[in-house]
């Protein structure tokens, strides 16, 4: 009687191994996407916080936050948040070359135009105008302020799609000016 010297995997064993590999790949891809999205969120939040820090430095020197399209001490503030950072009022407080706004997204600048004492900086976490519906992150001193928005009372504004929600108020430009960041600079300017 002759014995088979070469062992081989059966079809069932191969299918089991392939099934395990597919499950491991799916878990790895999901974890990788989560890590990338979380890194983008952190980059966007840091950028908004960095802009607010520059605004605070500006406020210390001028006793008011910059009004878009206006002038302060004879210096033009700029026609958008991007213009304020690149060449306008915030250019001396925020090095545009070192500024990293994260991946493509939209920033919102809201200010009380009567006193220029209350400000909010918000960033869409889901890309340009929050196309992925991930919500908005805000920072500033204007939370719950009737001067800008009584609906924004926390840093994280969740997308719920309901009319009148804080998210819809931001994206609807209710008191907020929109500036688009293309991932490298402020070349895309929002109206």
N, C-alpha and C. Protein backbone atom coordinates (compact mmCIF):
# COMPACT_ATOMS: atom_id res chain seq x y z
N UNK A 1 0.81 -1.16 0.00
CA UNK A 1 0.00 0.00 0.00
C UNK A 1 0.88 1.25 0.00
N UNK A 2 0.53 2.14 -0.80
CA UNK A 2 1.34 3.33 -0.99
C UNK A 2 0.69 4.52 -0.26
N UNK A 3 1.48 5.22 0.60
CA UNK A 3 0.96 6.37 1.34
C UNK A 3 1.24 7.66 0.58
N UNK A 4 0.33 8.60 0.73
CA UNK A 4 0.50 9.91 0.10
C UNK A 4 1.49 10.71 0.95
N UNK A 5 2.64 11.05 0.39
CA UNK A 5 3.66 11.78 1.13
C UNK A 5 3.39 13.27 1.18
N UNK A 6 2.56 13.74 0.31
CA UNK A 6 2.28 15.17 0.24
C UNK A 6 0.89 15.45 0.77
N UNK A 7 0.80 16.25 1.86
CA UNK A 7 -0.50 16.63 2.40
C UNK A 7 -0.96 17.92 1.72
N UNK A 8 -2.22 18.10 1.60
CA UNK A 8 -2.76 19.30 0.98
C UNK A 8 -3.94 19.78 1.79
N UNK A 9 -4.21 21.08 1.66
CA UNK A 9 -5.39 21.62 2.31
C UNK A 9 -6.63 21.23 1.53
N UNK A 10 -7.66 20.97 2.25
CA UNK A 10 -8.92 20.67 1.58
C UNK A 10 -9.58 21.99 1.20
N UNK A 11 -10.57 21.90 0.36
CA UNK A 11 -11.30 23.09 -0.08
C UNK A 11 -11.97 23.79 1.10
N UNK A 12 -12.49 23.03 2.03
CA UNK A 12 -13.15 23.61 3.20
C UNK A 12 -12.14 24.39 4.04
N UNK A 13 -10.97 23.85 4.24
CA UNK A 13 -9.93 24.54 5.02
C UNK A 13 -9.50 25.84 4.35
N UNK A 14 -9.38 25.81 3.03
CA UNK A 14 -9.01 27.03 2.28
C UNK A 14 -10.10 28.09 2.41
N UNK A 15 -11.37 27.69 2.33
CA UNK A 15 -12.48 28.63 2.47
C UNK A 15 -12.51 29.24 3.87
N UNK A 16 -12.22 28.46 4.87
CA UNK A 16 -12.19 28.97 6.25
C UNK A 16 -11.08 30.00 6.40
N UNK A 17 -9.90 29.72 5.90
CA UNK A 17 -8.78 30.66 5.98
C UNK A 17 -9.11 31.94 5.21
N UNK A 18 -9.69 31.81 4.02
CA UNK A 18 -10.05 33.00 3.25
C UNK A 18 -11.11 33.82 3.97
N UNK A 19 -12.08 33.16 4.60
CA UNK A 19 -13.11 33.87 5.36
C UNK A 19 -12.52 34.66 6.52
N UNK A 20 -11.57 34.05 7.22
CA UNK A 20 -10.90 34.74 8.33
C UNK A 20 -10.12 35.95 7.82
N UNK A 21 -9.42 35.80 6.71
CA UNK A 21 -8.66 36.92 6.13
C UNK A 21 -9.60 38.06 5.71
N UNK A 22 -10.73 37.74 5.13
CA UNK A 22 -11.69 38.77 4.70
C UNK A 22 -12.23 39.52 5.92
N UNK A 23 -12.54 38.81 6.98
CA UNK A 23 -13.02 39.46 8.21
C UNK A 23 -11.95 40.38 8.79
N UNK A 24 -10.71 39.92 8.84
CA UNK A 24 -9.62 40.75 9.36
C UNK A 24 -9.40 41.99 8.49
N UNK A 25 -9.50 41.84 7.16
CA UNK A 25 -9.35 42.99 6.28
C UNK A 25 -10.48 43.99 6.49
N UNK A 26 -11.70 43.52 6.65
CA UNK A 26 -12.84 44.43 6.87
C UNK A 26 -12.67 45.20 8.17
N UNK A 27 -12.24 44.52 9.22
CA UNK A 27 -12.01 45.20 10.50
C UNK A 27 -10.89 46.23 10.37
N UNK A 28 -9.83 45.87 9.67
CA UNK A 28 -8.70 46.79 9.48
C UNK A 28 -9.09 48.02 8.67
N UNK A 29 -9.86 47.84 7.62
CA UNK A 29 -10.30 48.97 6.79
C UNK A 29 -11.20 49.89 7.59
N UNK A 30 -12.13 49.31 8.36
CA UNK A 30 -13.02 50.12 9.19
C UNK A 30 -12.24 50.91 10.23
N UNK A 31 -11.31 50.27 10.89
CA UNK A 31 -10.49 50.97 11.89
C UNK A 31 -9.64 52.06 11.24
N UNK A 32 -9.13 51.79 10.05
CA UNK A 32 -8.33 52.80 9.34
C UNK A 32 -9.16 54.01 8.94
N UNK A 33 -10.37 53.78 8.46
CA UNK A 33 -11.25 54.90 8.10
C UNK A 33 -11.62 55.72 9.33
N UNK A 34 -11.90 55.04 10.43
CA UNK A 34 -12.22 55.75 11.66
C UNK A 34 -11.04 56.62 12.09
N UNK A 35 -9.83 56.07 12.03
CA UNK A 35 -8.64 56.82 12.43
C UNK A 35 -8.42 58.03 11.52
N UNK A 36 -8.63 57.87 10.22
CA UNK A 36 -8.47 58.99 9.28
C UNK A 36 -9.51 60.07 9.55
N UNK A 37 -10.77 59.68 9.75
CA UNK A 37 -11.81 60.65 10.04
C UNK A 37 -11.55 61.38 11.34
N UNK A 38 -11.09 60.66 12.34
CA UNK A 38 -10.79 61.28 13.64
C UNK A 38 -9.61 62.25 13.50
N UNK A 39 -8.60 61.88 12.73
CA UNK A 39 -7.46 62.78 12.51
C UNK A 39 -7.90 64.05 11.79
N UNK A 40 -8.80 63.91 10.80
CA UNK A 40 -9.33 65.09 10.11
C UNK A 40 -10.11 65.99 11.06
N UNK A 41 -10.93 65.37 11.92
CA UNK A 41 -11.70 66.15 12.90
C UNK A 41 -10.77 66.95 13.81
N UNK A 42 -9.72 66.30 14.30
CA UNK A 42 -8.77 66.97 15.19
C UNK A 42 -8.06 68.11 14.46
N UNK A 43 -7.66 67.88 13.21
CA UNK A 43 -6.99 68.94 12.44
C UNK A 43 -7.92 70.13 12.23
N UNK A 44 -9.19 69.88 11.92
CA UNK A 44 -10.15 70.97 11.73
C UNK A 44 -10.40 71.71 13.03
N UNK A 45 -10.55 70.98 14.13
CA UNK A 45 -10.78 71.62 15.43
C UNK A 45 -9.57 72.46 15.85
N UNK A 46 -8.37 71.94 15.63
CA UNK A 46 -7.16 72.70 15.96
C UNK A 46 -7.07 73.97 15.13
N UNK A 47 -7.46 73.89 13.87
CA UNK A 47 -7.42 75.07 13.00
C UNK A 47 -8.39 76.13 13.50
N UNK A 48 -9.61 75.72 13.88
CA UNK A 48 -10.59 76.68 14.41
C UNK A 48 -10.08 77.30 15.71
N UNK A 49 -9.49 76.48 16.57
CA UNK A 49 -8.93 77.00 17.82
C UNK A 49 -7.77 77.95 17.56
N UNK A 50 -6.96 77.65 16.54
CA UNK A 50 -5.83 78.51 16.17
C UNK A 50 -6.33 79.87 15.67
N UNK A 51 -7.40 79.86 14.88
CA UNK A 51 -7.98 81.13 14.39
C UNK A 51 -8.52 81.93 15.57
N UNK A 52 -9.18 81.25 16.51
CA UNK A 52 -9.74 81.96 17.66
C UNK A 52 -8.62 82.55 18.53
N UNK A 53 -7.52 81.85 18.66
CA UNK A 53 -6.38 82.39 19.41
C UNK A 53 -5.86 83.65 18.74
N UNK A 54 -5.78 83.64 17.40
CA UNK A 54 -5.36 84.84 16.67
C UNK A 54 -6.37 85.97 16.86
N UNK A 55 -7.65 85.63 16.88
CA UNK A 55 -8.68 86.64 17.11
C UNK A 55 -8.56 87.25 18.51
N UNK A 56 -8.21 86.44 19.49
CA UNK A 56 -8.02 86.96 20.85
C UNK A 56 -6.83 87.91 20.92
N UNK A 57 -5.76 87.57 20.21
CA UNK A 57 -4.59 88.46 20.16
C UNK A 57 -4.97 89.78 19.48
N UNK A 58 -5.74 89.67 18.40
CA UNK A 58 -6.21 90.87 17.71
C UNK A 58 -7.08 91.71 18.65
N UNK A 59 -7.96 91.05 19.41
CA UNK A 59 -8.84 91.75 20.33
C UNK A 59 -8.04 92.47 21.42
N UNK A 60 -6.99 91.84 21.89
CA UNK A 60 -6.14 92.46 22.92
C UNK A 60 -5.56 93.78 22.42
N UNK A 61 -5.17 93.81 21.17
CA UNK A 61 -4.57 95.02 20.61
C UNK A 61 -5.61 96.07 20.21
N UNK A 62 -6.80 95.64 19.78
CA UNK A 62 -7.76 96.58 19.19
C UNK A 62 -9.06 96.74 19.96
N UNK A 63 -9.25 95.97 21.03
CA UNK A 63 -10.45 96.03 21.88
C UNK A 63 -11.74 95.71 21.13
N UNK A 64 -11.63 95.02 20.02
CA UNK A 64 -12.78 94.53 19.28
C UNK A 64 -12.30 93.44 18.32
N UNK A 65 -13.22 92.59 17.90
CA UNK A 65 -12.89 91.59 16.90
C UNK A 65 -13.05 92.21 15.51
N UNK A 66 -12.29 91.73 14.51
CA UNK A 66 -12.38 92.35 13.18
C UNK A 66 -13.73 92.11 12.51
N UNK A 67 -14.25 93.16 11.93
CA UNK A 67 -15.49 93.07 11.15
C UNK A 67 -15.09 92.84 9.70
N UNK A 68 -15.63 91.80 9.11
CA UNK A 68 -15.25 91.47 7.73
C UNK A 68 -15.69 92.58 6.80
N UNK A 69 -14.77 93.00 5.95
CA UNK A 69 -15.04 94.07 4.99
C UNK A 69 -14.78 95.45 5.58
N UNK A 70 -14.53 95.50 6.88
CA UNK A 70 -14.27 96.79 7.52
C UNK A 70 -12.79 97.07 7.64
N UNK A 71 -12.47 98.12 8.37
CA UNK A 71 -11.07 98.47 8.64
C UNK A 71 -10.90 98.69 10.14
N UNK A 72 -9.72 98.41 10.63
CA UNK A 72 -9.38 98.67 12.02
C UNK A 72 -8.05 99.40 12.04
N UNK A 73 -8.04 100.58 12.64
CA UNK A 73 -6.82 101.39 12.69
C UNK A 73 -6.23 101.60 11.30
N UNK A 74 -7.08 101.78 10.31
CA UNK A 74 -6.63 102.05 8.95
C UNK A 74 -6.21 100.84 8.16
N UNK A 75 -6.30 99.62 8.76
CA UNK A 75 -5.89 98.40 8.07
C UNK A 75 -7.15 97.64 7.65
N UNK A 76 -7.23 97.26 6.38
CA UNK A 76 -8.39 96.53 5.87
C UNK A 76 -8.44 95.15 6.51
N UNK A 77 -9.60 94.76 6.99
CA UNK A 77 -9.75 93.47 7.63
C UNK A 77 -9.83 92.32 6.63
N UNK A 78 -10.26 92.57 5.42
CA UNK A 78 -10.42 91.53 4.42
C UNK A 78 -11.88 91.29 4.12
N UNK A 79 -12.15 90.65 3.00
CA UNK A 79 -13.53 90.43 2.56
C UNK A 79 -14.06 89.05 2.93
N UNK A 80 -13.22 88.21 3.54
CA UNK A 80 -13.62 86.88 3.99
C UNK A 80 -12.66 86.46 5.09
N UNK A 81 -12.97 85.38 5.76
CA UNK A 81 -12.07 84.87 6.80
C UNK A 81 -10.71 84.54 6.20
N UNK A 82 -10.71 83.92 5.01
CA UNK A 82 -9.46 83.59 4.35
C UNK A 82 -8.64 84.82 4.03
N UNK A 83 -9.29 85.88 3.54
CA UNK A 83 -8.59 87.13 3.23
C UNK A 83 -8.06 87.78 4.51
N UNK A 84 -8.81 87.68 5.61
CA UNK A 84 -8.33 88.23 6.88
C UNK A 84 -7.06 87.53 7.34
N UNK A 85 -6.98 86.23 7.09
CA UNK A 85 -5.80 85.46 7.52
C UNK A 85 -4.64 85.68 6.57
N UNK A 86 -4.90 85.71 5.26
CA UNK A 86 -3.82 85.83 4.29
C UNK A 86 -3.17 87.21 4.29
N UNK A 87 -3.98 88.26 4.16
CA UNK A 87 -3.40 89.60 4.00
C UNK A 87 -4.08 90.65 4.88
N UNK A 88 -5.14 90.28 5.55
CA UNK A 88 -5.91 91.26 6.30
C UNK A 88 -5.53 91.37 7.76
N UNK A 89 -6.52 91.64 8.59
CA UNK A 89 -6.33 91.97 9.99
C UNK A 89 -5.62 90.88 10.79
N UNK A 90 -5.82 89.62 10.45
CA UNK A 90 -5.23 88.53 11.25
C UNK A 90 -3.88 88.07 10.72
N UNK A 91 -3.42 88.63 9.61
CA UNK A 91 -2.18 88.14 9.02
C UNK A 91 -0.98 88.27 9.95
N UNK A 92 -0.95 89.30 10.79
CA UNK A 92 0.19 89.46 11.69
C UNK A 92 0.08 88.57 12.93
N UNK A 93 -1.12 88.03 13.19
CA UNK A 93 -1.32 87.19 14.36
C UNK A 93 -1.32 85.71 14.04
N UNK A 94 -1.47 85.38 12.76
CA UNK A 94 -1.56 83.99 12.34
C UNK A 94 -0.73 83.82 11.08
N UNK A 95 0.39 83.12 11.19
CA UNK A 95 1.26 82.92 10.05
C UNK A 95 0.56 82.02 9.04
N UNK A 96 0.13 82.60 7.92
CA UNK A 96 -0.63 81.85 6.92
C UNK A 96 0.17 80.68 6.38
N UNK A 97 1.49 80.81 6.27
CA UNK A 97 2.31 79.71 5.77
C UNK A 97 2.32 78.52 6.72
N UNK A 98 2.18 78.79 8.03
CA UNK A 98 2.18 77.72 9.02
C UNK A 98 0.77 77.23 9.35
N UNK A 99 -0.24 77.95 8.88
CA UNK A 99 -1.62 77.58 9.18
C UNK A 99 -1.98 76.31 8.43
N UNK A 100 -2.54 75.33 9.15
CA UNK A 100 -2.99 74.09 8.52
C UNK A 100 -4.44 73.88 8.87
N UNK A 101 -5.32 74.10 7.91
CA UNK A 101 -6.75 73.96 8.14
C UNK A 101 -7.26 72.55 8.00
N UNK A 102 -6.37 71.58 7.79
CA UNK A 102 -6.80 70.19 7.62
C UNK A 102 -7.19 69.92 6.18
N UNK A 103 -8.02 68.92 5.98
CA UNK A 103 -8.49 68.58 4.64
C UNK A 103 -9.53 69.60 4.18
N UNK A 104 -9.98 69.47 2.96
CA UNK A 104 -10.95 70.40 2.39
C UNK A 104 -12.16 70.54 3.30
N UNK A 105 -12.48 71.78 3.65
CA UNK A 105 -13.60 72.03 4.55
C UNK A 105 -14.08 73.47 4.44
N UNK A 106 -15.07 73.82 5.23
CA UNK A 106 -15.63 75.16 5.25
C UNK A 106 -15.54 75.71 6.66
N UNK A 107 -15.05 76.93 6.79
CA UNK A 107 -14.99 77.64 8.07
C UNK A 107 -16.06 78.72 8.07
N UNK A 108 -16.63 78.98 9.22
CA UNK A 108 -17.65 80.01 9.38
C UNK A 108 -17.20 81.00 10.43
N UNK A 109 -17.40 82.28 10.15
CA UNK A 109 -17.02 83.35 11.06
C UNK A 109 -18.27 84.15 11.40
N UNK A 110 -18.66 84.13 12.68
CA UNK A 110 -19.83 84.88 13.11
C UNK A 110 -19.43 85.92 14.14
N UNK A 111 -19.92 87.14 13.98
CA UNK A 111 -19.55 88.23 14.88
C UNK A 111 -20.77 89.13 15.11
N UNK A 112 -20.84 89.68 16.31
CA UNK A 112 -21.84 90.69 16.60
C UNK A 112 -21.38 91.98 15.93
N UNK A 113 -22.07 92.40 14.89
CA UNK A 113 -21.60 93.55 14.11
C UNK A 113 -21.84 94.89 14.80
N UNK A 114 -22.67 94.93 15.83
CA UNK A 114 -22.91 96.20 16.52
C UNK A 114 -21.77 96.57 17.47
N UNK A 115 -21.33 95.60 18.29
CA UNK A 115 -20.29 95.91 19.29
C UNK A 115 -18.94 95.30 18.95
N UNK A 116 -18.92 94.29 18.09
CA UNK A 116 -17.70 93.55 17.73
C UNK A 116 -17.01 92.95 18.96
N UNK A 117 -17.81 92.51 19.93
CA UNK A 117 -17.27 91.94 21.16
C UNK A 117 -17.52 90.44 21.27
N UNK A 118 -18.40 89.90 20.44
CA UNK A 118 -18.80 88.49 20.52
C UNK A 118 -18.49 87.83 19.18
N UNK A 119 -17.84 86.66 19.24
CA UNK A 119 -17.40 86.00 18.01
C UNK A 119 -17.51 84.48 18.15
N UNK A 120 -17.77 83.82 17.05
CA UNK A 120 -17.73 82.36 16.97
C UNK A 120 -17.02 81.96 15.68
N UNK A 121 -16.14 80.98 15.79
CA UNK A 121 -15.49 80.36 14.64
C UNK A 121 -15.99 78.92 14.60
N UNK A 122 -16.55 78.51 13.47
CA UNK A 122 -17.06 77.14 13.33
C UNK A 122 -16.41 76.50 12.10
N UNK A 123 -16.27 75.19 12.13
CA UNK A 123 -15.71 74.45 11.00
C UNK A 123 -16.57 73.22 10.75
N UNK A 124 -16.83 72.96 9.47
CA UNK A 124 -17.61 71.78 9.09
C UNK A 124 -16.71 70.55 9.16
N UNK A 125 -17.09 69.57 9.95
CA UNK A 125 -16.28 68.37 10.12
C UNK A 125 -16.38 67.42 8.94
N UNK A 126 -17.42 67.58 8.14
CA UNK A 126 -17.64 66.65 7.03
C UNK A 126 -17.27 67.20 5.67
N UNK A 127 -16.20 67.99 5.61
CA UNK A 127 -15.77 68.51 4.32
C UNK A 127 -16.47 69.80 3.94
N UNK A 128 -16.40 70.13 2.65
CA UNK A 128 -16.97 71.38 2.15
C UNK A 128 -18.46 71.45 2.48
N UNK A 129 -18.84 72.46 3.25
CA UNK A 129 -20.23 72.69 3.67
C UNK A 129 -20.83 71.45 4.33
N UNK A 130 -19.97 70.64 4.96
CA UNK A 130 -20.38 69.42 5.67
C UNK A 130 -21.18 68.48 4.78
N UNK A 131 -20.64 68.21 3.60
CA UNK A 131 -21.32 67.35 2.64
C UNK A 131 -21.56 65.94 3.20
N UNK A 132 -20.72 65.50 4.14
CA UNK A 132 -20.88 64.16 4.73
C UNK A 132 -21.80 64.16 5.95
N UNK A 133 -22.33 65.34 6.30
CA UNK A 133 -23.27 65.47 7.42
C UNK A 133 -22.68 64.96 8.74
N UNK A 134 -21.46 65.37 9.05
CA UNK A 134 -20.82 64.98 10.31
C UNK A 134 -20.99 66.03 11.40
N UNK A 135 -21.52 67.17 11.06
CA UNK A 135 -21.73 68.21 12.06
C UNK A 135 -20.69 69.30 11.97
N UNK A 136 -20.74 70.20 12.94
CA UNK A 136 -19.89 71.39 12.95
C UNK A 136 -19.26 71.54 14.33
N UNK A 137 -18.01 71.99 14.36
CA UNK A 137 -17.31 72.29 15.61
C UNK A 137 -17.16 73.81 15.71
N UNK A 138 -17.51 74.37 16.86
CA UNK A 138 -17.42 75.82 17.05
C UNK A 138 -16.54 76.15 18.25
N UNK A 139 -15.91 77.31 18.19
CA UNK A 139 -15.15 77.83 19.32
C UNK A 139 -15.30 79.35 19.33
N UNK A 140 -15.13 79.94 20.47
CA UNK A 140 -15.27 81.39 20.59
C UNK A 140 -15.92 81.77 21.90
N UNK A 141 -16.39 83.00 21.99
CA UNK A 141 -17.03 83.48 23.22
C UNK A 141 -18.51 83.78 23.01
N UNK A 142 -19.08 83.37 21.90
CA UNK A 142 -20.45 83.74 21.58
C UNK A 142 -21.48 82.63 21.71
N UNK A 143 -21.18 81.58 22.50
CA UNK A 143 -22.14 80.49 22.66
C UNK A 143 -23.40 80.98 23.35
N UNK A 144 -24.56 80.67 22.77
CA UNK A 144 -25.83 81.06 23.34
C UNK A 144 -26.12 82.55 23.27
N UNK A 145 -25.33 83.27 22.49
CA UNK A 145 -25.49 84.71 22.40
C UNK A 145 -26.60 85.08 21.43
N UNK A 146 -27.46 85.98 21.85
CA UNK A 146 -28.52 86.47 20.96
C UNK A 146 -27.93 87.30 19.84
N UNK A 147 -26.71 87.81 20.03
CA UNK A 147 -26.07 88.64 19.02
C UNK A 147 -25.67 87.84 17.79
N UNK A 148 -25.34 86.57 17.98
CA UNK A 148 -24.94 85.73 16.84
C UNK A 148 -25.95 84.62 16.63
N UNK A 149 -26.10 83.76 17.61
CA UNK A 149 -27.03 82.64 17.48
C UNK A 149 -27.38 82.10 18.85
N UNK A 150 -28.62 82.20 19.22
CA UNK A 150 -29.05 81.64 20.50
C UNK A 150 -29.09 80.12 20.46
N UNK A 151 -29.05 79.54 19.25
CA UNK A 151 -29.15 78.09 19.13
C UNK A 151 -27.82 77.38 19.34
N UNK A 152 -26.71 78.07 19.17
CA UNK A 152 -25.41 77.43 19.31
C UNK A 152 -24.97 77.59 20.76
N UNK A 153 -25.08 76.50 21.53
CA UNK A 153 -24.72 76.59 22.94
C UNK A 153 -23.68 75.55 23.34
N UNK A 154 -23.08 74.86 22.36
CA UNK A 154 -22.02 73.91 22.66
C UNK A 154 -21.02 73.89 21.51
N UNK A 155 -19.85 73.32 21.79
CA UNK A 155 -18.80 73.30 20.76
C UNK A 155 -19.14 72.39 19.60
N UNK A 156 -19.78 71.27 19.87
CA UNK A 156 -20.14 70.33 18.82
C UNK A 156 -21.60 70.49 18.44
N UNK A 157 -21.83 70.87 17.20
CA UNK A 157 -23.19 71.04 16.69
C UNK A 157 -23.48 69.84 15.80
N UNK A 158 -24.42 69.03 16.20
CA UNK A 158 -24.72 67.79 15.51
C UNK A 158 -25.64 68.07 14.33
N UNK A 159 -25.37 67.40 13.25
CA UNK A 159 -26.26 67.52 12.09
C UNK A 159 -27.53 66.72 12.37
N UNK A 160 -28.68 67.37 12.30
CA UNK A 160 -29.93 66.64 12.45
C UNK A 160 -30.89 66.90 11.30
N UNK A 161 -30.55 67.82 10.42
CA UNK A 161 -31.36 68.06 9.23
C UNK A 161 -32.66 68.79 9.49
N UNK A 162 -32.99 69.03 10.74
CA UNK A 162 -34.26 69.70 11.04
C UNK A 162 -34.14 71.20 10.79
N UNK A 163 -35.18 71.77 10.22
CA UNK A 163 -35.18 73.21 9.96
C UNK A 163 -35.10 73.94 11.29
N UNK A 164 -34.27 74.95 11.35
CA UNK A 164 -34.12 75.74 12.56
C UNK A 164 -33.08 75.20 13.52
N UNK A 165 -32.46 74.07 13.20
CA UNK A 165 -31.43 73.55 14.10
C UNK A 165 -30.20 74.43 14.00
N UNK A 166 -29.34 74.32 14.99
CA UNK A 166 -28.12 75.14 15.01
C UNK A 166 -27.28 74.87 13.77
N UNK A 167 -27.20 73.61 13.36
CA UNK A 167 -26.42 73.29 12.17
C UNK A 167 -26.99 74.00 10.94
N UNK A 168 -28.28 73.96 10.78
CA UNK A 168 -28.91 74.59 9.63
C UNK A 168 -28.73 76.10 9.68
N UNK A 169 -28.69 76.66 10.88
CA UNK A 169 -28.49 78.10 11.01
C UNK A 169 -27.09 78.47 10.51
N UNK A 170 -26.09 77.66 10.86
CA UNK A 170 -24.73 77.95 10.42
C UNK A 170 -24.64 77.81 8.90
N UNK A 171 -25.12 76.69 8.37
CA UNK A 171 -24.97 76.48 6.92
C UNK A 171 -25.87 77.42 6.13
N UNK A 172 -26.91 77.92 6.75
CA UNK A 172 -27.79 78.87 6.08
C UNK A 172 -27.25 80.29 6.14
N UNK A 173 -26.04 80.46 6.67
CA UNK A 173 -25.37 81.76 6.74
C UNK A 173 -26.11 82.75 7.65
N UNK A 174 -26.89 82.27 8.60
CA UNK A 174 -27.62 83.17 9.49
C UNK A 174 -26.68 83.88 10.45
N UNK A 175 -26.08 84.96 10.00
CA UNK A 175 -25.15 85.69 10.84
C UNK A 175 -23.72 85.22 10.69
N UNK A 176 -23.48 84.21 9.90
CA UNK A 176 -22.13 83.67 9.71
C UNK A 176 -21.65 83.89 8.29
N UNK A 177 -20.38 84.24 8.14
CA UNK A 177 -19.77 84.35 6.82
C UNK A 177 -18.99 83.08 6.55
N UNK A 178 -19.13 82.53 5.38
CA UNK A 178 -18.51 81.26 5.02
C UNK A 178 -17.22 81.51 4.25
N UNK A 179 -16.16 80.75 4.59
CA UNK A 179 -14.91 80.77 3.83
C UNK A 179 -14.48 79.33 3.62
N UNK A 180 -14.21 78.96 2.38
CA UNK A 180 -13.85 77.58 2.06
C UNK A 180 -12.33 77.41 2.03
N UNK A 181 -11.88 76.34 2.64
CA UNK A 181 -10.47 75.96 2.67
C UNK A 181 -10.31 74.76 1.77
N UNK A 182 -9.37 74.80 0.82
CA UNK A 182 -9.26 73.70 -0.14
C UNK A 182 -8.24 72.64 0.26
N UNK A 183 -7.79 72.68 1.51
CA UNK A 183 -6.82 71.70 1.98
C UNK A 183 -5.40 72.21 1.95
N UNK A 184 -5.17 73.31 1.25
CA UNK A 184 -3.83 73.91 1.16
C UNK A 184 -3.86 75.40 1.44
N UNK A 185 -4.87 76.08 0.93
CA UNK A 185 -4.96 77.53 1.14
C UNK A 185 -6.42 77.96 0.99
N UNK A 186 -6.60 79.26 1.01
CA UNK A 186 -7.94 79.84 0.95
C UNK A 186 -8.29 80.22 -0.48
N UNK A 187 -7.84 79.46 -1.46
CA UNK A 187 -8.08 79.81 -2.86
C UNK A 187 -9.56 79.79 -3.20
N UNK A 188 -10.33 78.91 -2.54
CA UNK A 188 -11.76 78.86 -2.79
C UNK A 188 -12.42 79.79 -1.77
N UNK A 189 -13.03 80.84 -2.24
CA UNK A 189 -13.64 81.79 -1.32
C UNK A 189 -15.16 81.67 -1.36
N UNK A 190 -15.76 81.54 -0.19
CA UNK A 190 -17.21 81.47 -0.10
C UNK A 190 -17.82 82.86 -0.11
N UNK A 191 -19.04 82.94 -0.53
CA UNK A 191 -19.73 84.24 -0.58
C UNK A 191 -20.39 84.52 0.75
